Amino acid sequence: MSHRRGEPPERHGRSERVVLARGRWYVMTRERIDVGPYATKEEAQTASEQLGQALDGVDDPAVALALIGEFVRRRNATPG
């Protein structure tokens, strides 16, 4: 399980941030941003892993928000 730099090991893993709400799957970030919706849990888990990789080592909240915003923009720009 990966954690951001400075996160204590007892924190919840990113895979636990995948939730079902209103019949769709979302990734909840520690910045309290819901990323989604995704049609399947597997799609949300993949997105959670990708987002986690992008955020590894990021300590600055402003940088994290910018990376999450870019992740969402790219996701929304992808046809499908």
PDB file of N, CA and C in Angstrom:
ATOM      1  N   MET A   1       0.849  -1.169   0.000  1.00  0.00           N
ATOM      2  CA  MET A   1       0.000   0.000   0.000  1.00  0.00           C
ATOM      3  C   MET A   1       0.894   1.230   0.000  1.00  0.00           C
ATOM      4  N   SER A   2       0.598   2.204  -0.856  1.00  0.00           N
ATOM      5  CA  SER A   2       1.427   3.395  -0.906  1.00  0.00           C
ATOM      6  C   SER A   2       0.772   4.513  -0.111  1.00  0.00           C
ATOM      7  N   HIS A   3       1.599   5.351   0.451  1.00  0.00           N
ATOM      8  CA  HIS A   3       1.146   6.511   1.199  1.00  0.00           C
ATOM      9  C   HIS A   3       1.906   7.717   0.697  1.00  0.00           C
ATOM     10  N   ARG A   4       1.303   8.881   0.843  1.00  0.00           N
ATOM     11  CA  ARG A   4       2.036  10.087   0.524  1.00  0.00           C
ATOM     12  C   ARG A   4       3.094  10.303   1.582  1.00  0.00           C
ATOM     13  N   ARG A   5       4.148  10.964   1.194  1.00  0.00           N
ATOM     14  CA  ARG A   5       5.223  11.257   2.133  1.00  0.00           C
ATOM     15  C   ARG A   5       4.634  11.929   3.366  1.00  0.00           C
ATOM     16  N   GLY A   6       5.019  11.446   4.532  1.00  0.00           N
ATOM     17  CA  GLY A   6       4.546  12.023   5.780  1.00  0.00           C
ATOM     18  C   GLY A   6       3.264  11.422   6.317  1.00  0.00           C
ATOM     19  N   GLU A   7       2.577  10.587   5.517  1.00  0.00           N
ATOM     20  CA  GLU A   7       1.364   9.937   6.008  1.00  0.00           C
ATOM     21  C   GLU A   7       1.742   8.796   6.925  1.00  0.00           C
ATOM     22  N   PRO A   8       1.131   8.726   8.086  1.00  0.00           N
ATOM     23  CA  PRO A   8       1.425   7.587   8.959  1.00  0.00           C
ATOM     24  C   PRO A   8       0.871   6.299   8.346  1.00  0.00           C
ATOM     25  N   PRO A   9       1.502   5.158   8.606  1.00  0.00           N
ATOM     26  CA  PRO A   9       1.075   3.902   7.998  1.00  0.00           C
ATOM     27  C   PRO A   9      -0.329   3.457   8.377  1.00  0.00           C
ATOM     28  N   GLU A  10      -0.871   3.939   9.487  1.00  0.00           N
ATOM     29  CA  GLU A  10      -2.202   3.492   9.891  1.00  0.00           C
ATOM     30  C   GLU A  10      -3.336   4.171   9.127  1.00  0.00           C
ATOM     31  N   ARG A  11      -3.007   5.105   8.250  1.00  0.00           N
ATOM     32  CA  ARG A  11      -4.047   5.769   7.443  1.00  0.00           C
ATOM     33  C   ARG A  11      -4.649   4.766   6.473  1.00  0.00           C
ATOM     34  N   HIS A  12      -5.850   5.059   6.018  1.00  0.00           N
ATOM     35  CA  HIS A  12      -6.530   4.178   5.070  1.00  0.00           C
ATOM     36  C   HIS A  12      -5.812   4.182   3.736  1.00  0.00           C
ATOM     37  N   GLY A  13      -5.789   3.035   3.097  1.00  0.00           N
ATOM     38  CA  GLY A  13      -5.185   2.929   1.781  1.00  0.00           C
ATOM     39  C   GLY A  13      -6.065   3.561   0.727  1.00  0.00           C
ATOM     40  N   ARG A  14      -5.477   3.847  -0.408  1.00  0.00           N
ATOM     41  CA  ARG A  14      -6.244   4.493  -1.477  1.00  0.00           C
ATOM     42  C   ARG A  14      -7.354   3.600  -2.008  1.00  0.00           C
ATOM     43  N   SER A  15      -7.152   2.283  -1.962  1.00  0.00           N
ATOM     44  CA  SER A  15      -8.208   1.398  -2.460  1.00  0.00           C
ATOM     45  C   SER A  15      -9.475   1.517  -1.628  1.00  0.00           C
ATOM     46  N   GLU A  16      -9.347   1.956  -0.378  1.00  0.00           N
ATOM     47  CA  GLU A  16     -10.514   2.143   0.483  1.00  0.00           C
ATOM     48  C   GLU A  16     -11.218   3.459   0.192  1.00  0.00           C
ATOM     49  N   ARG A  17     -10.693   4.233  -0.713  1.00  0.00           N
ATOM     50  CA  ARG A  17     -11.306   5.505  -1.071  1.00  0.00           C
ATOM     51  C   ARG A  17     -12.255   5.371  -2.257  1.00  0.00           C
ATOM     52  N   VAL A  18     -12.463   4.158  -2.727  1.00  0.00           N
ATOM     53  CA  VAL A  18     -13.410   3.894  -3.812  1.00  0.00           C
ATOM     54  C   VAL A  18     -14.757   3.590  -3.176  1.00  0.00           C
ATOM     55  N   VAL A  19     -15.759   4.406  -3.523  1.00  0.00           N
ATOM     56  CA  VAL A  19     -17.071   4.272  -2.886  1.00  0.00           C
ATOM     57  C   VAL A  19     -18.189   4.269  -3.924  1.00  0.00           C
ATOM     58  N   LEU A  20     -19.285   3.626  -3.562  1.00  0.00           N
ATOM     59  CA  LEU A  20     -20.494   3.597  -4.386  1.00  0.00           C
ATOM     60  C   LEU A  20     -21.460   4.635  -3.844  1.00  0.00           C
ATOM     61  N   ALA A  21     -21.899   5.543  -4.708  1.00  0.00           N
ATOM     62  CA  ALA A  21     -22.864   6.569  -4.313  1.00  0.00           C
ATOM     63  C   ALA A  21     -23.804   6.822  -5.486  1.00  0.00           C
ATOM     64  N   ARG A  22     -25.061   6.829  -5.207  1.00  0.00           N
ATOM     65  CA  ARG A  22     -26.080   7.078  -6.247  1.00  0.00           C
ATOM     66  C   ARG A  22     -25.934   6.125  -7.431  1.00  0.00           C
ATOM     67  N   GLY A  23     -25.519   4.900  -7.149  1.00  0.00           N
ATOM     68  CA  GLY A  23     -25.412   3.880  -8.188  1.00  0.00           C
ATOM     69  C   GLY A  23     -24.187   3.981  -9.073  1.00  0.00           C
ATOM     70  N   ARG A  24     -23.276   4.875  -8.753  1.00  0.00           N
ATOM     71  CA  ARG A  24     -22.049   5.054  -9.534  1.00  0.00           C
ATOM     72  C   ARG A  24     -20.855   5.000  -8.591  1.00  0.00           C
ATOM     73  N   TRP A  25     -19.686   4.731  -9.144  1.00  0.00           N
ATOM     74  CA  TRP A  25     -18.460   4.594  -8.352  1.00  0.00           C
ATOM     75  C   TRP A  25     -17.643   5.875  -8.412  1.00  0.00           C
ATOM     76  N   TYR A  26     -17.073   6.253  -7.267  1.00  0.00           N
ATOM     77  CA  TYR A  26     -16.274   7.466  -7.138  1.00  0.00           C
ATOM     78  C   TYR A  26     -14.994   7.164  -6.374  1.00  0.00           C
ATOM     79  N   VAL A  27     -13.984   8.007  -6.606  1.00  0.00           N
ATOM     80  CA  VAL A  27     -12.751   7.993  -5.820  1.00  0.00           C
ATOM     81  C   VAL A  27     -12.802   9.227  -4.936  1.00  0.00           C
ATOM     82  N   MET A  28     -12.684   9.046  -3.632  1.00  0.00           N
ATOM     83  CA  MET A  28     -12.649  10.164  -2.692  1.00  0.00           C
ATOM     84  C   MET A  28     -11.193  10.485  -2.384  1.00  0.00           C
ATOM     85  N   THR A  29     -10.801  11.736  -2.557  1.00  0.00           N
ATOM     86  CA  THR A  29      -9.432  12.127  -2.232  1.00  0.00           C
ATOM     87  C   THR A  29      -9.373  12.673  -0.812  1.00  0.00           C
ATOM     88  N   ARG A  30      -8.175  12.740  -0.257  1.00  0.00           N
ATOM     89  CA  ARG A  30      -8.059  13.299   1.091  1.00  0.00           C
ATOM     90  C   ARG A  30      -8.322  14.794   1.078  1.00  0.00           C
ATOM     91  N   GLU A  31      -8.329  15.405  -0.115  1.00  0.00           N
ATOM     92  CA  GLU A  31      -8.685  16.818  -0.254  1.00  0.00           C
ATOM     93  C   GLU A  31     -10.201  16.998  -0.299  1.00  0.00           C
ATOM     94  N   ARG A  32     -10.912  15.911  -0.133  1.00  0.00           N
ATOM     95  CA  ARG A  32     -12.390  15.878  -0.120  1.00  0.00           C
ATOM     96  C   ARG A  32     -12.988  16.223  -1.480  1.00  0.00           C
ATOM     97  N   ILE A  33     -12.339  15.725  -2.513  1.00  0.00           N
ATOM     98  CA  ILE A  33     -12.844  15.862  -3.875  1.00  0.00           C
ATOM     99  C   ILE A  33     -13.266  14.474  -4.333  1.00  0.00           C
ATOM    100  N   ASP A  34     -14.482  14.358  -4.825  1.00  0.00           N
ATOM    101  CA  ASP A  34     -14.960  13.098  -5.385  1.00  0.00           C
ATOM    102  C   ASP A  34     -14.658  13.098  -6.875  1.00  0.00           C
ATOM    103  N   VAL A  35     -13.892  12.113  -7.316  1.00  0.00           N
ATOM    104  CA  VAL A  35     -13.524  11.985  -8.724  1.00  0.00           C
ATOM    105  C   VAL A  35     -14.374  10.874  -9.314  1.00  0.00           C
ATOM    106  N   GLY A  36     -15.084  11.181 -10.376  1.00  0.00           N
ATOM    107  CA  GLY A  36     -15.953  10.207 -11.005  1.00  0.00           C
ATOM    108  C   GLY A  36     -17.106  10.922 -11.662  1.00  0.00           C
ATOM    109  N   PRO A  37     -18.132  10.228 -11.957  1.00  0.00           N
ATOM    110  CA  PRO A  37     -18.415   8.833 -11.618  1.00  0.00           C
ATOM    111  C   PRO A  37     -17.798   7.857 -12.615  1.00  0.00           C
ATOM    112  N   TYR A  38     -17.676   6.624 -12.152  1.00  0.00           N
ATOM    113  CA  TYR A  38     -17.221   5.504 -12.972  1.00  0.00           C
ATOM    114  C   TYR A  38     -18.330   4.463 -12.998  1.00  0.00           C
ATOM    115  N   ALA A  39     -18.433   3.754 -14.101  1.00  0.00           N
ATOM    116  CA  ALA A  39     -19.497   2.762 -14.267  1.00  0.00           C
ATOM    117  C   ALA A  39     -19.269   1.521 -13.415  1.00  0.00           C
ATOM    118  N   THR A  40     -17.991   1.187 -13.186  1.00  0.00           N
ATOM    119  CA  THR A  40     -17.692  -0.034 -12.432  1.00  0.00           C
ATOM    120  C   THR A  40     -16.699   0.254 -11.311  1.00  0.00           C
ATOM    121  N   LYS A  41     -16.703  -0.621 -10.344  1.00  0.00           N
ATOM    122  CA  LYS A  41     -15.753  -0.506  -9.238  1.00  0.00           C
ATOM    123  C   LYS A  41     -14.327  -0.648  -9.755  1.00  0.00           C
ATOM    124  N   GLU A  42     -14.126  -1.535 -10.715  1.00  0.00           N
ATOM    125  CA  GLU A  42     -12.799  -1.759 -11.268  1.00  0.00           C
ATOM    126  C   GLU A  42     -12.254  -0.501 -11.931  1.00  0.00           C
ATOM    127  N   GLU A  43     -13.105   0.226 -12.671  1.00  0.00           N
ATOM    128  CA  GLU A  43     -12.677   1.477 -13.298  1.00  0.00           C
ATOM    129  C   GLU A  43     -12.280   2.498 -12.228  1.00  0.00           C
ATOM    130  N   ALA A  44     -13.055   2.578 -11.171  1.00  0.00           N
ATOM    131  CA  ALA A  44     -12.750   3.515 -10.084  1.00  0.00           C
ATOM    132  C   ALA A  44     -11.458   3.117  -9.369  1.00  0.00           C
ATOM    133  N   GLN A  45     -11.239   1.822  -9.186  1.00  0.00           N
ATOM    134  CA  GLN A  45     -10.004   1.369  -8.537  1.00  0.00           C
ATOM    135  C   GLN A  45      -8.783   1.703  -9.393  1.00  0.00           C
ATOM    136  N   THR A  46      -8.911   1.525 -10.705  1.00  0.00           N
ATOM    137  CA  THR A  46      -7.820   1.879 -11.614  1.00  0.00           C
ATOM    138  C   THR A  46      -7.535   3.375 -11.537  1.00  0.00           C
ATOM    139  N   ALA A  47      -8.590   4.175 -11.545  1.00  0.00           N
ATOM    140  CA  ALA A  47      -8.416   5.627 -11.432  1.00  0.00           C
ATOM    141  C   ALA A  47      -7.776   5.993 -10.105  1.00  0.00           C
ATOM    142  N   SER A  48      -8.167   5.320  -9.033  1.00  0.00           N
ATOM    143  CA  SER A  48      -7.598   5.576  -7.716  1.00  0.00           C
ATOM    144  C   SER A  48      -6.099   5.297  -7.714  1.00  0.00           C
ATOM    145  N   GLU A  49      -5.700   4.205  -8.345  1.00  0.00           N
ATOM    146  CA  GLU A  49      -4.275   3.856  -8.422  1.00  0.00           C
ATOM    147  C   GLU A  49      -3.512   4.890  -9.239  1.00  0.00           C
ATOM    148  N   GLN A  50      -4.082   5.307 -10.375  1.00  0.00           N
ATOM    149  CA  GLN A  50      -3.418   6.288 -11.228  1.00  0.00           C
ATOM    150  C   GLN A  50      -3.293   7.631 -10.516  1.00  0.00           C
ATOM    151  N   LEU A  51      -4.360   8.045  -9.867  1.00  0.00           N
ATOM    152  CA  LEU A  51      -4.336   9.303  -9.141  1.00  0.00           C
ATOM    153  C   LEU A  51      -3.347   9.228  -7.981  1.00  0.00           C
ATOM    154  N   GLY A  52      -3.324   8.093  -7.306  1.00  0.00           N
ATOM    155  CA  GLY A  52      -2.376   7.903  -6.215  1.00  0.00           C
ATOM    156  C   GLY A  52      -0.938   8.019  -6.678  1.00  0.00           C
ATOM    157  N   GLN A  53      -0.642   7.452  -7.837  1.00  0.00           N
ATOM    158  CA  GLN A  53       0.717   7.550  -8.385  1.00  0.00           C
ATOM    159  C   GLN A  53       1.072   8.998  -8.692  1.00  0.00           C
ATOM    160  N   ALA A  54       0.097   9.739  -9.229  1.00  0.00           N
ATOM    161  CA  ALA A  54       0.342  11.143  -9.561  1.00  0.00           C
ATOM    162  C   ALA A  54       0.580  11.981  -8.307  1.00  0.00           C
ATOM    163  N   LEU A  55      -0.025  11.579  -7.195  1.00  0.00           N
ATOM    164  CA  LEU A  55       0.067  12.365  -5.965  1.00  0.00           C
ATOM    165  C   LEU A  55       1.156  11.894  -5.013  1.00  0.00           C
ATOM    166  N   ASP A  56       1.806  10.777  -5.317  1.00  0.00           N
ATOM    167  CA  ASP A  56       2.861  10.270  -4.433  1.00  0.00           C
ATOM    168  C   ASP A  56       3.934  11.340  -4.219  1.00  0.00           C
ATOM    169  N   GLY A  57       4.235  11.605  -2.970  1.00  0.00           N
ATOM    170  CA  GLY A  57       5.277  12.557  -2.625  1.00  0.00           C
ATOM    171  C   GLY A  57       4.845  14.006  -2.633  1.00  0.00           C
ATOM    172  N   VAL A  58       3.589  14.284  -2.974  1.00  0.00           N
ATOM    173  CA  VAL A  58       3.104  15.661  -3.013  1.00  0.00           C
ATOM    174  C   VAL A  58       2.644  16.052  -1.610  1.00  0.00           C
ATOM    175  N   ASP A  59       3.270  17.086  -1.065  1.00  0.00           N
ATOM    176  CA  ASP A  59       2.917  17.555   0.269  1.00  0.00           C
ATOM    177  C   ASP A  59       2.151  18.877   0.250  1.00  0.00           C
ATOM    178  N   ASP A  60       2.271  19.611  -0.810  1.00  0.00           N
ATOM    179  CA  ASP A  60       1.646  20.926  -0.913  1.00  0.00           C
ATOM    180  C   ASP A  60       0.192  20.779  -1.358  1.00  0.00           C
ATOM    181  N   PRO A  61      -0.773  21.221  -0.528  1.00  0.00           N
ATOM    182  CA  PRO A  61      -2.192  21.085  -0.892  1.00  0.00           C
ATOM    183  C   PRO A  61      -2.548  21.756  -2.218  1.00  0.00           C
ATOM    184  N   ALA A  62      -1.934  22.893  -2.519  1.00  0.00           N
ATOM    185  CA  ALA A  62      -2.232  23.584  -3.782  1.00  0.00           C
ATOM    186  C   ALA A  62      -1.777  22.751  -4.977  1.00  0.00           C
ATOM    187  N   VAL A  63      -0.632  22.113  -4.855  1.00  0.00           N
ATOM    188  CA  VAL A  63      -0.129  21.255  -5.927  1.00  0.00           C
ATOM    189  C   VAL A  63      -1.042  20.034  -6.066  1.00  0.00           C
ATOM    190  N   ALA A  64      -1.451  19.456  -4.944  1.00  0.00           N
ATOM    191  CA  ALA A  64      -2.352  18.298  -4.982  1.00  0.00           C
ATOM    192  C   ALA A  64      -3.652  18.664  -5.680  1.00  0.00           C
ATOM    193  N   LEU A  65      -4.222  19.813  -5.339  1.00  0.00           N
ATOM    194  CA  LEU A  65      -5.477  20.244  -5.978  1.00  0.00           C
ATOM    195  C   LEU A  65      -5.292  20.447  -7.477  1.00  0.00           C
ATOM    196  N   ALA A  66      -4.167  21.025  -7.867  1.00  0.00           N
ATOM    197  CA  ALA A  66      -3.901  21.231  -9.295  1.00  0.00           C
ATOM    198  C   ALA A  66      -3.767  19.896 -10.022  1.00  0.00           C
ATOM    199  N   LEU A  67      -3.079  18.938  -9.420  1.00  0.00           N
ATOM    200  CA  LEU A  67      -2.927  17.619 -10.041  1.00  0.00           C
ATOM    201  C   LEU A  67      -4.263  16.893 -10.146  1.00  0.00           C
ATOM    202  N   ILE A  68      -5.073  16.989  -9.115  1.00  0.00           N
ATOM    203  CA  ILE A  68      -6.404  16.361  -9.155  1.00  0.00           C
ATOM    204  C   ILE A  68      -7.252  17.014 -10.243  1.00  0.00           C
ATOM    205  N   GLY A  69      -7.201  18.339 -10.324  1.00  0.00           N
ATOM    206  CA  GLY A  69      -7.953  19.048 -11.365  1.00  0.00           C
ATOM    207  C   GLY A  69      -7.532  18.626 -12.757  1.00  0.00           C
ATOM    208  N   GLU A  70      -6.234  18.481 -12.966  1.00  0.00           N
ATOM    209  CA  GLU A  70      -5.728  18.038 -14.272  1.00  0.00           C
ATOM    210  C   GLU A  70      -6.158  16.600 -14.564  1.00  0.00           C
ATOM    211  N   PHE A  71      -6.131  15.754 -13.555  1.00  0.00           N
ATOM    212  CA  PHE A  71      -6.573  14.368 -13.705  1.00  0.00           C
ATOM    213  C   PHE A  71      -8.035  14.331 -14.154  1.00  0.00           C
ATOM    214  N   VAL A  72      -8.865  15.134 -13.513  1.00  0.00           N
ATOM    215  CA  VAL A  72     -10.292  15.182 -13.851  1.00  0.00           C
ATOM    216  C   VAL A  72     -10.482  15.742 -15.259  1.00  0.00           C
ATOM    217  N   ARG A  73      -9.752  16.801 -15.607  1.00  0.00           N
ATOM    218  CA  ARG A  73      -9.873  17.380 -16.960  1.00  0.00           C
ATOM    219  C   ARG A  73      -9.511  16.355 -18.031  1.00  0.00           C
ATOM    220  N   ARG A  74      -8.415  15.630 -17.808  1.00  0.00           N
ATOM    221  CA  ARG A  74      -8.001  14.618 -18.787  1.00  0.00           C
ATOM    222  C   ARG A  74      -9.025  13.495 -18.882  1.00  0.00           C
ATOM    223  N   ARG A  75      -9.555  13.096 -17.743  1.00  0.00           N
ATOM    224  CA  ARG A  75     -10.578  12.032 -17.728  1.00  0.00           C
ATOM    225  C   ARG A  75     -11.806  12.483 -18.520  1.00  0.00           C
ATOM    226  N   ASN A  76     -12.227  13.718 -18.301  1.00  0.00           N
ATOM    227  CA  ASN A  76     -13.425  14.222 -18.979  1.00  0.00           C
ATOM    228  C   ASN A  76     -13.195  14.458 -20.463  1.00  0.00           C
ATOM    229  N   ALA A  77     -11.951  14.665 -20.861  1.00  0.00           N
ATOM    230  CA  ALA A  77     -11.632  14.905 -22.271  1.00  0.00           C
ATOM    231  C   ALA A  77     -11.498  13.597 -23.059  1.00  0.00           C
ATOM    232  N   THR A  78     -11.367  12.475 -22.339  1.00  0.00           N
ATOM    233  CA  THR A  78     -11.205  11.191 -22.993  1.00  0.00           C
ATOM    234  C   THR A  78     -12.566  10.670 -23.453  1.00  0.00           C
ATOM    235  N   PRO A  79     -12.728  10.397 -24.761  1.00  0.00           N
ATOM    236  CA  PRO A  79     -14.006   9.864 -25.225  1.00  0.00           C
ATOM    237  C   PRO A  79     -14.274   8.501 -24.627  1.00  0.00           C
ATOM    238  N   GLY A  80     -15.531   8.218 -24.410  1.00  0.00           N
ATOM    239  CA  GLY A  80     -15.824   6.884 -23.902  1.00  0.00           C
ATOM    240  C   GLY A  80     -16.910   6.930 -22.966  1.00  0.00           C
TER     241      GLY A  80
END
